[in-house]
Amino acid sequence: MNNTNSLIEVAQVGRLVGLKGELKLHLHCDFPEQFKKGKTFLTSKNETLEIFSYNSARELVSFVGYQSREIAAKLVNTLLFTTEENSQKECHLQEGEFFWFDLIGARIIDNGQCLGVVEEIERIAHCDYLVVHTDEKLVKEGHVKSFYIPYIERYIVSFDKDVKEIITQDGLGILENS
């Protein structure tokens, strides 16, 4: 995992649980299957952690070399990262599903008009929202510099990964009311 440009935050290590170095794992991704014995993740301190065990039912993880409570305490609040390449290789998408990094940078098109570009994605409750950086022309017309579009069927018509375009319906209405 050398390419730091393509790192994706996938989880955060939480509080200690028990006496054998187990920690609560807070997933920041939709692919819990990637957390398995032997899998490695990079931390924000550029350290590599290897999973010793993972209990998906209880969301508990332990790491190689951190199997005691005292040593594992050093990992509390650590962020875990993987690469886009590893995600594409290990996480299997269903038809019509995309990774968040596929959507970043995509143009938002509503009724033939470019509303802006996806800057990032935020998950609020159980819904993903596209954070859209509004097109400069629309900002000059008095619209806000950025706005949110829920990634649900009501607003998202289609996404073309090859041309990085998301076709929306009523996206302009969201922008106008933001």
Protein backbone atom coordinates (compact mmCIF):
# COMPACT_ATOMS: atom_id res chain seq x y z
CA MET A 1 0.00 0.00 0.00
CA ASN A 2 2.52 2.58 -1.14
CA ASN A 3 0.31 4.89 -3.19
CA THR A 4 -0.93 7.37 -0.58
CA ASN A 5 -2.91 9.29 -3.22
CA SER A 6 -5.44 6.48 -3.47
CA LEU A 7 -5.93 5.73 0.23
CA ILE A 8 -9.48 5.23 1.43
CA GLU A 9 -10.56 5.40 5.05
CA VAL A 10 -12.38 2.14 5.84
CA ALA A 11 -12.62 1.98 9.63
CA GLN A 12 -11.72 3.50 12.97
CA VAL A 13 -10.46 1.49 15.92
CA GLY A 14 -12.53 2.14 19.02
CA ARG A 15 -12.37 1.27 22.71
CA LEU A 16 -10.74 -1.75 24.29
CA VAL A 17 -12.94 -4.77 25.00
CA GLY A 18 -11.76 -7.56 27.29
CA LEU A 19 -8.25 -8.55 28.30
CA LYS A 20 -6.77 -10.01 25.10
CA GLY A 21 -6.30 -6.83 23.07
CA GLU A 22 -9.66 -6.88 21.31
CA LEU A 23 -10.91 -3.51 20.14
CA LYS A 24 -14.26 -2.27 18.87
CA LEU A 25 -14.10 -1.64 15.10
CA HIS A 26 -16.25 1.13 13.63
CA LEU A 27 -16.67 0.51 9.90
CA HIS A 28 -16.62 3.46 7.53
CA CYS A 29 -17.32 1.29 4.50
CA ASP A 30 -19.91 -1.09 3.12
CA PHE A 31 -17.59 -4.11 2.90
CA PRO A 32 -17.07 -5.84 6.25
CA GLU A 33 -15.85 -8.94 4.39
CA GLN A 34 -12.46 -7.28 3.85
CA PHE A 35 -11.74 -7.50 7.59
CA LYS A 36 -10.30 -10.98 7.92
CA LYS A 37 -7.30 -12.66 9.47
CA GLY A 38 -4.07 -11.73 7.68
CA LYS A 39 -5.45 -8.63 5.92
CA THR A 40 -3.30 -5.51 6.35
CA PHE A 41 -4.32 -1.89 6.63
CA LEU A 42 -2.33 1.32 6.70
CA THR A 43 -2.74 3.88 9.50
CA SER A 44 -2.49 7.66 9.34
CA LYS A 45 0.96 7.28 10.95
CA ASN A 46 2.01 5.21 7.91
CA GLU A 47 2.17 2.03 9.99
CA THR A 48 0.87 -1.29 8.71
CA LEU A 49 -1.48 -3.31 10.94
CA GLU A 50 -2.29 -6.96 10.25
CA ILE A 51 -5.55 -8.42 11.51
CA PHE A 52 -5.04 -11.28 13.96
CA SER A 53 -8.77 -11.91 14.43
CA TYR A 54 -12.08 -10.28 13.55
CA ASN A 55 -15.49 -11.06 15.02
CA SER A 56 -18.05 -9.56 12.63
CA ALA A 57 -21.03 -10.32 14.91
CA ARG A 58 -19.53 -8.27 17.75
CA GLU A 59 -17.42 -5.97 15.51
CA LEU A 60 -14.28 -6.77 17.50
CA VAL A 61 -10.79 -6.84 16.02
CA SER A 62 -7.32 -7.66 17.25
CA PHE A 63 -4.03 -7.06 15.48
CA VAL A 64 -0.81 -9.05 15.20
CA GLY A 65 1.61 -7.85 17.89
CA TYR A 66 -1.16 -6.13 19.88
CA GLN A 67 -2.74 -9.09 21.70
CA SER A 68 -2.54 -7.60 25.19
CA ARG A 69 -4.77 -4.93 26.63
CA GLU A 70 -1.86 -2.61 27.46
CA ILE A 71 -0.30 -2.73 23.97
CA ALA A 72 -3.65 -2.62 22.12
CA ALA A 73 -4.58 0.57 24.03
CA LYS A 74 -2.13 2.42 21.75
CA LEU A 75 -4.44 1.74 18.79
CA VAL A 76 -7.61 3.33 20.21
CA ASN A 77 -8.96 5.95 17.73
CA THR A 78 -6.58 4.83 14.96
CA LEU A 79 -7.96 5.23 11.44
CA LEU A 80 -7.50 2.32 9.03
CA PHE A 81 -6.94 2.85 5.31
CA THR A 82 -6.77 0.70 2.20
CA THR A 83 -6.14 1.55 -1.45
CA GLU A 84 -8.57 1.95 -4.33
CA GLU A 85 -6.80 -0.94 -6.04
CA ASN A 86 -7.29 -3.26 -3.04
CA SER A 87 -10.94 -2.23 -2.79
CA GLN A 88 -11.58 -3.01 -6.45
CA LYS A 89 -9.84 -6.37 -6.11
CA GLU A 90 -11.38 -7.52 -2.81
CA CYS A 91 -14.80 -5.89 -2.61
CA HIS A 92 -17.36 -7.26 -5.04
CA LEU A 93 -20.04 -4.90 -6.29
CA GLN A 94 -23.49 -5.87 -7.48
CA GLU A 95 -24.89 -4.64 -10.81
CA GLY A 96 -25.49 -0.88 -10.63
CA GLU A 97 -23.28 -0.37 -7.55
CA PHE A 98 -20.23 1.88 -7.47
CA PHE A 99 -17.44 2.80 -5.09
CA TRP A 100 -17.55 6.29 -3.63
CA PHE A 101 -14.22 7.08 -5.30
CA ASP A 102 -15.84 6.31 -8.68
CA LEU A 103 -18.35 9.11 -8.06
CA ILE A 104 -15.89 11.76 -6.83
CA GLY A 105 -15.20 14.23 -9.63
CA ALA A 106 -18.29 13.24 -11.63
CA ARG A 107 -20.31 16.00 -13.26
CA ILE A 108 -23.94 16.39 -12.17
CA ILE A 109 -26.21 16.79 -15.20
CA ASP A 110 -29.85 17.76 -14.76
CA ASN A 111 -32.04 18.22 -17.84
CA GLY A 112 -28.92 18.73 -19.98
CA GLN A 113 -27.43 21.38 -17.68
CA CYS A 114 -24.25 20.88 -15.65
CA LEU A 115 -25.02 21.75 -12.03
CA GLY A 116 -21.51 21.07 -10.74
CA VAL A 117 -19.06 18.35 -9.74
CA VAL A 118 -19.18 15.81 -6.90
CA GLU A 119 -16.64 17.02 -4.35
CA GLU A 120 -17.19 14.31 -1.74
CA ILE A 121 -19.83 11.99 -0.31
CA GLU A 122 -21.26 12.10 3.18
CA ARG A 123 -23.31 9.43 4.90
CA ILE A 124 -25.99 10.94 7.09
CA ALA A 125 -28.07 8.38 8.98
CA HIS A 126 -28.61 5.64 6.39
CA CYS A 127 -28.43 7.78 3.26
CA ASP A 128 -25.46 8.84 1.15
CA TYR A 129 -25.39 12.44 -0.02
CA LEU A 130 -23.36 13.80 -2.92
CA VAL A 131 -21.66 17.05 -1.92
CA VAL A 132 -21.75 19.04 -5.14
CA HIS A 133 -19.44 21.97 -5.88
CA THR A 134 -21.76 24.19 -7.91
CA ASP A 135 -20.78 25.17 -11.45
CA GLU A 136 -19.22 28.68 -11.52
CA LYS A 137 -21.82 29.95 -14.00
CA LEU A 138 -24.61 29.07 -11.57
CA VAL A 139 -22.73 30.61 -8.63
CA LYS A 140 -22.43 33.87 -10.61
CA GLU A 141 -26.20 33.72 -11.09
CA GLY A 142 -26.59 33.80 -7.30
CA HIS A 143 -26.77 30.12 -6.36
CA VAL A 144 -24.91 28.62 -3.40
CA LYS A 145 -21.32 27.41 -3.87
CA SER A 146 -22.17 23.84 -2.85
CA PHE A 147 -25.23 21.72 -2.11
CA TYR A 148 -26.26 18.16 -1.29
CA ILE A 149 -28.10 15.65 -3.47
CA PRO A 150 -29.33 12.45 -1.81
CA TYR A 151 -28.07 9.37 -3.66
CA ILE A 152 -31.51 7.78 -3.98
CA GLU A 153 -33.66 6.77 -6.98
CA ARG A 154 -35.87 9.82 -6.53
CA TYR A 155 -32.99 12.06 -7.66
CA ILE A 156 -30.35 9.86 -9.30
CA VAL A 157 -31.32 8.60 -12.77
CA SER A 158 -27.99 7.07 -13.84
CA PHE A 159 -24.21 7.17 -13.52
CA ASP A 160 -21.82 6.68 -16.43
CA LYS A 161 -18.50 5.68 -14.90
CA ASP A 162 -16.61 6.01 -18.20
CA VAL A 163 -17.52 9.68 -18.77
CA LYS A 164 -17.96 10.44 -15.03
CA GLU A 165 -21.46 11.87 -15.36
CA ILE A 166 -24.39 11.50 -13.00
CA ILE A 167 -27.77 12.23 -14.53
CA THR A 168 -30.25 13.61 -12.00
CA GLN A 169 -33.88 14.59 -11.92
CA ASP A 170 -34.96 17.57 -9.83
CA GLY A 171 -31.33 18.31 -8.90
CA LEU A 172 -31.83 21.87 -10.11
CA GLY A 173 -34.75 22.19 -7.69
CA ILE A 174 -32.52 21.12 -4.81
CA LEU A 175 -29.89 23.67 -5.87
CA GLU A 176 -32.48 26.46 -6.18
CA ASN A 177 -33.84 25.71 -2.72
CA SER A 178 -30.43 25.47 -1.06
